[in-house]
Amino acid sequence: MIRFSFLFTALCFATSLVHAAGFQFIEVPGNGSFQPLKGAVWYPCKQPPANEKVGPVALSVTRDCPVTGEKLPLIVISHGRGGTFLDHSDTAAALADAGFVVAAINHPGDNAMDKTRINDFSVFVERPADIKRLTDFMLGSWTAANRIDASDIGIFGFSRGGYTGLVAIGANPHFGKNLRSCDGIDTPLCDQVRKGELPELAHDPRIKAAVIADPVSLFFTQDSFSNAKIPVQLWRSELGGGGVTPESVTAIISELPTRPDVHFVPGSQHFSFMAPCSAEFMQLAREVCIDGPKFDRVAFHREFNAEVLAFFRKHLTHAGSAPGSR
């Protein structure tokens, strides 16, 4: 495929100009009822990489090295149900190698280490606010905030993170449509929705482009997307999974006011969009690591990361002049 070969060659050339992705852990302070957000940042760095292990995840990064470049575009990442900030580490590293700052957090109560609210309706309200708080932190309190171009912000979201990304760019879910998560539950938030009072959700007009993979569409209706007008690259698996069906993603494609850049991935299942698994992670979470017999996740992610990079470069103003870009 000529387009893939060109994109992959460009990505390899770009990453040769910046030696490695820098990497550091972050914690966004809590605020009122909002819990602290723990995560990490990948960013351009000129030092050679080292092999780092974070739990069962293997990374090739340079811990805490100085940030390279000025006016760097920012990408924020939202993981899927019960996931972690490391679920898309290969995509984050590829973007950082090419001159982007990439920040990801664990959504409180809905991550692999803390599942206390994984089935609660409240996470659908709080997830977009988590991402807005992350962006505020990266532009304000992060140690190299002055290296980020606040006019060049994108979002990457997968599964529930895809829902999160769509809300962040302006989509308005209709919680009364399907609220099984409130059945038999007496909380102020569920009571509010039963009365037809829509909780105020965090939209973020600073986001200029979005990459969304197999989004959860539980609460979206045909008129949910009238305010989601920025460029969107939308990825769809063939087999679905994790509560996401190919048909539900197709419905979103037709409902977005601006035709998205659609990518259909033959042979893929829902979790194919997560980073290829290490042997150790495979033993812990086989259900998210096993693809079909004819699907090569490593090869797919080379193409996936190249397409994601090309999309953000196209739609973020200064991304084409960031370190490592051509």
Protein backbone atom coordinates (compact mmCIF):
# COMPACT_ATOMS: atom_id res chain seq x y z
CA MET A 1 0.00 0.00 0.00
CA ILE A 2 1.74 3.16 -1.24
CA ARG A 3 0.15 5.55 1.28
CA PHE A 4 1.13 3.36 4.22
CA SER A 5 4.69 2.97 2.94
CA PHE A 6 5.04 6.73 2.60
CA LEU A 7 3.60 7.42 6.05
CA PHE A 8 5.71 4.76 7.73
CA THR A 9 8.88 5.98 6.03
CA ALA A 10 8.07 9.56 7.10
CA LEU A 11 7.46 8.41 10.67
CA CYS A 12 10.77 6.53 10.78
CA PHE A 13 12.61 9.54 9.37
CA ALA A 14 10.95 11.86 11.86
CA THR A 15 11.79 9.69 14.83
CA SER A 16 15.44 9.55 13.75
CA LEU A 17 15.64 13.31 14.25
CA VAL A 18 14.50 13.13 17.88
CA HIS A 19 16.27 10.25 19.58
CA ALA A 20 13.61 9.15 22.05
CA ALA A 21 10.42 9.97 23.80
CA GLY A 22 11.03 11.63 27.13
CA PHE A 23 8.82 10.31 29.91
CA GLN A 24 7.78 11.49 33.32
CA PHE A 25 5.03 10.71 35.78
CA ILE A 26 2.54 13.43 36.70
CA GLU A 27 -0.18 13.96 39.27
CA VAL A 28 -2.89 16.54 38.74
CA PRO A 29 -3.98 17.80 42.19
CA GLY A 30 -7.50 17.14 43.41
CA ASN A 31 -10.03 19.93 43.43
CA GLY A 32 -13.11 19.89 45.66
CA SER A 33 -14.94 16.63 44.97
CA PHE A 34 -12.54 15.75 42.13
CA GLN A 35 -9.81 13.27 43.02
CA PRO A 36 -6.15 13.67 42.00
CA LEU A 37 -5.33 12.38 38.53
CA LYS A 38 -2.26 10.16 38.15
CA GLY A 39 -0.62 9.64 34.80
CA ALA A 40 2.37 10.35 32.61
CA VAL A 41 3.70 12.63 29.89
CA TRP A 42 5.67 11.64 26.78
CA TYR A 43 7.57 14.45 25.05
CA PRO A 44 10.43 15.18 22.60
CA CYS A 45 13.87 14.41 23.98
CA LYS A 46 17.37 14.26 22.45
CA GLN A 47 18.80 11.64 24.79
CA PRO A 48 18.93 7.94 23.81
CA PRO A 49 16.16 5.71 25.15
CA ALA A 50 16.39 3.10 27.89
CA ASN A 51 14.21 0.11 28.65
CA GLU A 52 11.75 1.01 31.40
CA LYS A 53 9.16 -1.18 33.06
CA VAL A 54 6.04 0.29 34.59
CA GLY A 55 4.26 -2.65 36.14
CA PRO A 56 3.80 -5.23 33.36
CA VAL A 57 4.28 -2.65 30.59
CA ALA A 58 7.64 -2.34 28.81
CA LEU A 59 8.61 1.10 27.50
CA SER A 60 11.52 2.42 25.46
CA VAL A 61 11.78 5.98 26.80
CA THR A 62 14.10 8.40 28.57
CA ARG A 63 12.93 9.18 32.08
CA ASP A 64 12.88 12.85 33.13
CA CYS A 65 15.12 14.14 30.35
CA PRO A 66 14.93 17.84 29.31
CA VAL A 67 12.15 18.76 26.88
CA THR A 68 13.32 19.54 23.34
CA GLY A 69 11.63 22.24 21.27
CA GLU A 70 9.26 25.19 21.56
CA LYS A 71 5.60 25.71 20.59
CA LEU A 72 4.94 22.00 20.89
CA PRO A 73 1.44 20.68 20.15
CA LEU A 74 -0.31 18.83 22.99
CA ILE A 75 -2.31 15.59 22.73
CA VAL A 76 -4.34 14.34 25.71
CA ILE A 77 -5.38 10.68 25.95
CA SER A 78 -8.45 9.07 27.51
CA HIS A 79 -8.32 5.29 28.06
CA GLY A 80 -11.16 2.77 27.91
CA ARG A 81 -13.20 1.12 30.67
CA GLY A 82 -10.93 -0.19 33.42
CA GLY A 83 -7.81 0.80 31.49
CA THR A 84 -4.73 2.82 32.39
CA PHE A 85 -2.68 5.76 31.15
CA LEU A 86 -0.29 3.22 29.57
CA ASP A 87 -2.87 1.56 27.30
CA HIS A 88 -1.74 3.59 24.27
CA SER A 89 1.92 4.00 25.19
CA ASP A 90 3.20 3.12 21.72
CA THR A 91 1.02 5.79 20.10
CA ALA A 92 2.09 8.31 22.75
CA ALA A 93 5.76 7.51 22.15
CA ALA A 94 5.40 7.76 18.36
CA LEU A 95 3.82 11.20 18.68
CA ALA A 96 6.44 12.36 21.19
CA ASP A 97 9.25 11.12 18.94
CA ALA A 98 7.77 13.31 16.21
CA GLY A 99 7.56 16.48 18.30
CA PHE A 100 4.33 16.30 20.31
CA VAL A 101 3.73 16.46 24.03
CA VAL A 102 1.34 13.65 25.01
CA ALA A 103 -0.38 13.41 28.39
CA ALA A 104 -2.52 10.55 29.71
CA ILE A 105 -4.15 9.89 33.09
CA ASN A 106 -6.06 7.16 34.91
CA HIS A 107 -9.72 8.07 35.25
CA PRO A 108 -10.51 7.81 39.01
CA GLY A 109 -12.74 4.89 39.89
CA ASP A 110 -12.61 3.56 36.32
CA ASN A 111 -9.12 2.15 35.88
CA ALA A 112 -7.25 -1.10 36.36
CA MET A 113 -6.04 -0.19 39.86
CA ASP A 114 -9.27 1.41 41.07
CA LYS A 115 -12.54 -0.09 39.84
CA THR A 116 -14.70 1.29 42.63
CA ARG A 117 -16.94 3.19 40.22
CA ILE A 118 -16.35 1.29 36.99
CA ASN A 119 -20.08 0.61 36.58
CA ASP A 120 -21.26 3.92 38.05
CA PHE A 121 -23.06 6.43 35.87
CA SER A 122 -20.95 9.17 37.50
CA VAL A 123 -17.84 8.26 35.49
CA PHE A 124 -19.60 9.31 32.27
CA VAL A 125 -20.10 12.77 33.76
CA GLU A 126 -16.63 13.07 35.31
CA ARG A 127 -14.47 11.67 32.50
CA PRO A 128 -14.66 14.80 30.27
CA ALA A 129 -13.93 16.94 33.34
CA ASP A 130 -10.86 14.79 34.05
CA ILE A 131 -9.52 15.53 30.58
CA LYS A 132 -10.19 19.25 30.90
CA ARG A 133 -8.35 19.26 34.25
CA LEU A 134 -5.45 17.42 32.60
CA THR A 135 -5.25 20.05 29.86
CA ASP A 136 -5.40 22.87 32.43
CA PHE A 137 -2.52 21.23 34.30
CA MET A 138 -0.38 20.75 31.20
CA LEU A 139 -0.83 24.40 30.20
CA GLY A 140 -0.38 25.71 33.73
CA SER A 141 1.47 23.71 36.39
CA TRP A 142 3.44 21.19 34.35
CA THR A 143 7.18 21.82 34.64
CA ALA A 144 7.57 22.55 30.90
CA ALA A 145 4.20 24.20 30.29
CA ASN A 146 5.91 27.12 28.56
CA ARG A 147 7.05 24.74 25.79
CA ILE A 148 3.44 23.93 24.79
CA ASP A 149 1.49 25.86 22.17
CA ALA A 150 -1.91 26.38 23.81
CA SER A 151 -3.50 26.89 20.39
CA ASP A 152 -2.50 23.38 19.22
CA ILE A 153 -4.36 20.79 21.30
CA GLY A 154 -5.71 17.44 20.19
CA ILE A 155 -7.33 14.47 21.90
CA PHE A 156 -7.06 10.71 21.45
CA GLY A 157 -9.81 8.55 22.93
CA PHE A 158 -10.54 4.83 22.86
CA SER A 159 -13.80 3.06 23.85
CA ARG A 160 -15.12 4.96 26.90
CA GLY A 161 -12.25 7.30 26.14
CA GLY A 162 -13.79 7.73 22.68
CA TYR A 163 -17.04 8.77 24.38
CA THR A 164 -14.94 11.12 26.54
CA GLY A 165 -13.26 12.64 23.51
CA LEU A 166 -16.53 13.19 21.68
CA VAL A 167 -18.04 14.97 24.70
CA ALA A 168 -14.86 17.04 25.11
CA ILE A 169 -15.19 18.33 21.53
CA GLY A 170 -18.83 19.30 21.98
CA ALA A 171 -21.07 16.21 21.80
CA ASN A 172 -24.03 16.18 24.19
CA PRO A 173 -25.14 12.76 25.43
CA HIS A 174 -28.76 12.17 26.39
CA PHE A 175 -28.60 10.21 29.61
CA GLY A 176 -32.30 9.51 29.77
CA LYS A 177 -32.00 7.37 26.64
CA ASN A 178 -30.37 4.41 28.35
CA LEU A 179 -29.60 4.59 32.05
CA ARG A 180 -29.38 0.98 33.19
CA SER A 181 -26.43 1.96 35.39
CA CYS A 182 -28.88 3.86 37.61
CA ASP A 183 -31.39 1.00 37.96
CA GLY A 184 -32.12 0.52 41.65
CA ILE A 185 -29.47 3.08 42.63
CA ASP A 186 -30.39 6.08 44.73
CA THR A 187 -27.77 8.79 44.26
CA PRO A 188 -28.17 12.55 43.77
CA LEU A 189 -26.77 12.27 40.24
CA CYS A 190 -29.13 9.46 39.17
CA ASP A 191 -32.05 11.32 40.75
CA GLN A 192 -31.08 14.43 38.81
CA VAL A 193 -31.12 12.58 35.51
CA ARG A 194 -34.45 10.84 36.25
CA LYS A 195 -35.93 14.30 36.68
CA GLY A 196 -34.70 15.23 33.22
CA GLU A 197 -31.99 17.55 34.51
CA LEU A 198 -28.90 17.10 32.37
CA PRO A 199 -25.67 17.37 34.39
CA GLU A 200 -23.34 20.05 33.07
CA LEU A 201 -20.60 18.34 31.09
CA ALA A 202 -17.11 19.63 30.39
CA HIS A 203 -16.65 20.61 26.75
CA ASP A 204 -13.27 22.07 25.82
CA PRO A 205 -13.13 24.44 22.83
CA ARG A 206 -9.33 24.49 23.06
CA ILE A 207 -9.27 21.06 21.38
CA LYS A 208 -8.76 21.48 17.64
CA ALA A 209 -8.61 17.86 16.39
CA ALA A 210 -9.67 14.44 17.69
CA VAL A 211 -8.71 10.83 17.00
CA ILE A 212 -11.46 8.49 18.23
CA ALA A 213 -11.22 4.68 18.18
CA ASP A 214 -14.24 2.38 18.67
CA PRO A 215 -16.16 4.84 20.88
CA VAL A 216 -18.84 3.77 23.34
CA SER A 217 -22.06 5.34 22.07
CA LEU A 218 -24.49 4.32 24.84
CA PHE A 219 -25.84 7.81 25.52
CA PHE A 220 -25.62 9.41 22.09
CA THR A 221 -28.61 10.17 19.87
CA GLN A 222 -28.90 11.61 16.37
CA ASP A 223 -28.85 15.20 17.62
CA SER A 224 -25.96 14.75 20.07
CA PHE A 225 -23.25 15.92 17.68
CA SER A 226 -24.43 19.26 16.32
CA ASN A 227 -21.69 21.10 18.23
CA ALA A 228 -18.90 18.61 17.47
CA LYS A 229 -17.53 20.39 14.42
CA ILE A 230 -13.74 20.01 14.61
CA PRO A 231 -11.84 17.50 12.43
CA VAL A 232 -12.23 13.89 13.62
CA GLN A 233 -10.35 10.78 12.59
CA LEU A 234 -12.60 7.82 13.48
CA TRP A 235 -11.33 4.24 13.68
CA ARG A 236 -13.68 1.25 13.54
CA SER A 237 -12.86 -2.37 14.32
CA GLU A 238 -14.44 -5.14 12.29
CA LEU A 239 -15.50 -7.36 15.19
CA GLY A 240 -16.15 -4.88 18.01
CA GLY A 241 -16.16 -5.93 21.68
CA GLY A 242 -16.18 -4.32 25.10
CA GLY A 243 -19.77 -3.18 24.64
CA VAL A 244 -18.99 -1.56 21.28
CA THR A 245 -20.50 -2.90 18.06
CA PRO A 246 -19.47 -2.06 14.49
CA GLU A 247 -23.02 -0.81 13.91
CA SER A 248 -22.85 1.64 16.83
CA VAL A 249 -19.64 3.18 15.51
CA THR A 250 -21.10 3.39 12.00
CA ALA A 251 -24.05 5.33 13.43
CA ILE A 252 -21.70 7.96 14.89
CA ILE A 253 -19.97 8.32 11.52
CA SER A 254 -23.27 9.26 9.90
CA GLU A 255 -24.28 11.63 12.70
CA LEU A 256 -21.17 13.82 12.92
CA PRO A 257 -21.86 17.15 11.16
CA THR A 258 -18.52 17.09 9.34
CA ARG A 259 -17.59 13.85 7.61
CA PRO A 260 -14.79 12.26 9.68
CA ASP A 261 -11.63 10.67 8.33
CA VAL A 262 -12.86 7.07 8.67
CA HIS A 263 -10.60 4.04 8.98
CA PHE A 264 -12.03 0.52 8.98
CA VAL A 265 -9.60 -2.16 10.23
CA PRO A 266 -10.28 -5.62 8.74
CA GLY A 267 -9.86 -8.54 11.13
CA SER A 268 -9.52 -6.31 14.18
CA GLN A 269 -11.36 -6.59 17.47
CA HIS A 270 -12.11 -3.78 19.91
CA PHE A 271 -8.91 -4.09 21.94
CA SER A 272 -6.68 -4.17 18.85
CA PHE A 273 -6.36 -0.39 19.27
CA MET A 274 -4.49 -0.86 22.55
CA ALA A 275 -0.70 -1.09 22.46
CA PRO A 276 0.78 -4.51 21.61
CA CYS A 277 1.13 -6.52 24.83
CA SER A 278 4.34 -7.57 26.52
CA ALA A 279 4.61 -11.26 27.46
CA GLU A 280 4.00 -10.35 31.10
CA PHE A 281 0.92 -8.27 30.31
CA MET A 282 -0.37 -11.08 28.09
CA GLN A 283 -0.47 -13.37 31.11
CA LEU A 284 -2.44 -10.82 33.14
CA ALA A 285 -4.99 -9.71 30.54
CA ARG A 286 -5.25 -12.21 27.71
CA GLU A 287 -8.74 -11.00 26.81
CA VAL A 288 -7.41 -7.61 25.69
CA CYS A 289 -4.22 -9.00 24.11
CA ILE A 290 -5.47 -11.80 21.87
CA ASP A 291 -6.40 -10.89 18.31
CA GLY A 292 -7.67 -13.08 15.49
CA PRO A 293 -5.28 -15.65 13.98
CA LYS A 294 -4.68 -13.53 10.87
CA PHE A 295 -4.36 -10.17 12.61
CA ASP A 296 -0.90 -8.78 13.43
CA ARG A 297 -1.30 -6.08 16.07
CA VAL A 298 2.35 -5.00 15.89
CA ALA A 299 2.17 -4.46 12.13
CA PHE A 300 -1.21 -2.74 12.43
CA HIS A 301 0.08 -0.30 15.05
CA ARG A 302 2.87 0.82 12.75
CA GLU A 303 0.24 1.91 10.25
CA PHE A 304 -2.15 3.15 12.95
CA ASN A 305 0.45 5.37 14.61
CA ALA A 306 1.59 6.76 11.26
CA GLU A 307 -1.99 7.68 10.30
CA VAL A 308 -2.69 9.25 13.70
CA LEU A 309 0.51 11.29 13.42
CA ALA A 310 -0.33 12.45 9.88
CA PHE A 311 -3.84 13.51 10.95
CA PHE A 312 -2.65 15.59 13.90
CA ARG A 313 0.08 17.18 11.79
CA LYS A 314 -2.51 18.15 9.20
CA HIS A 315 -4.97 19.74 11.61
CA LEU A 316 -2.82 21.30 14.34
CA THR A 317 -1.29 24.56 13.14
CA HIS A 318 2.30 24.25 14.37
CA ALA A 319 2.53 20.45 14.38
CA GLY A 320 4.29 20.50 11.02
CA SER A 321 7.09 22.65 12.45
CA ALA A 322 7.59 20.71 15.69
CA PRO A 323 10.92 18.94 16.30
CA GLY A 324 11.12 15.78 14.25
CA SER A 325 8.56 16.85 11.63
CA ARG A 326 9.10 17.21 7.92
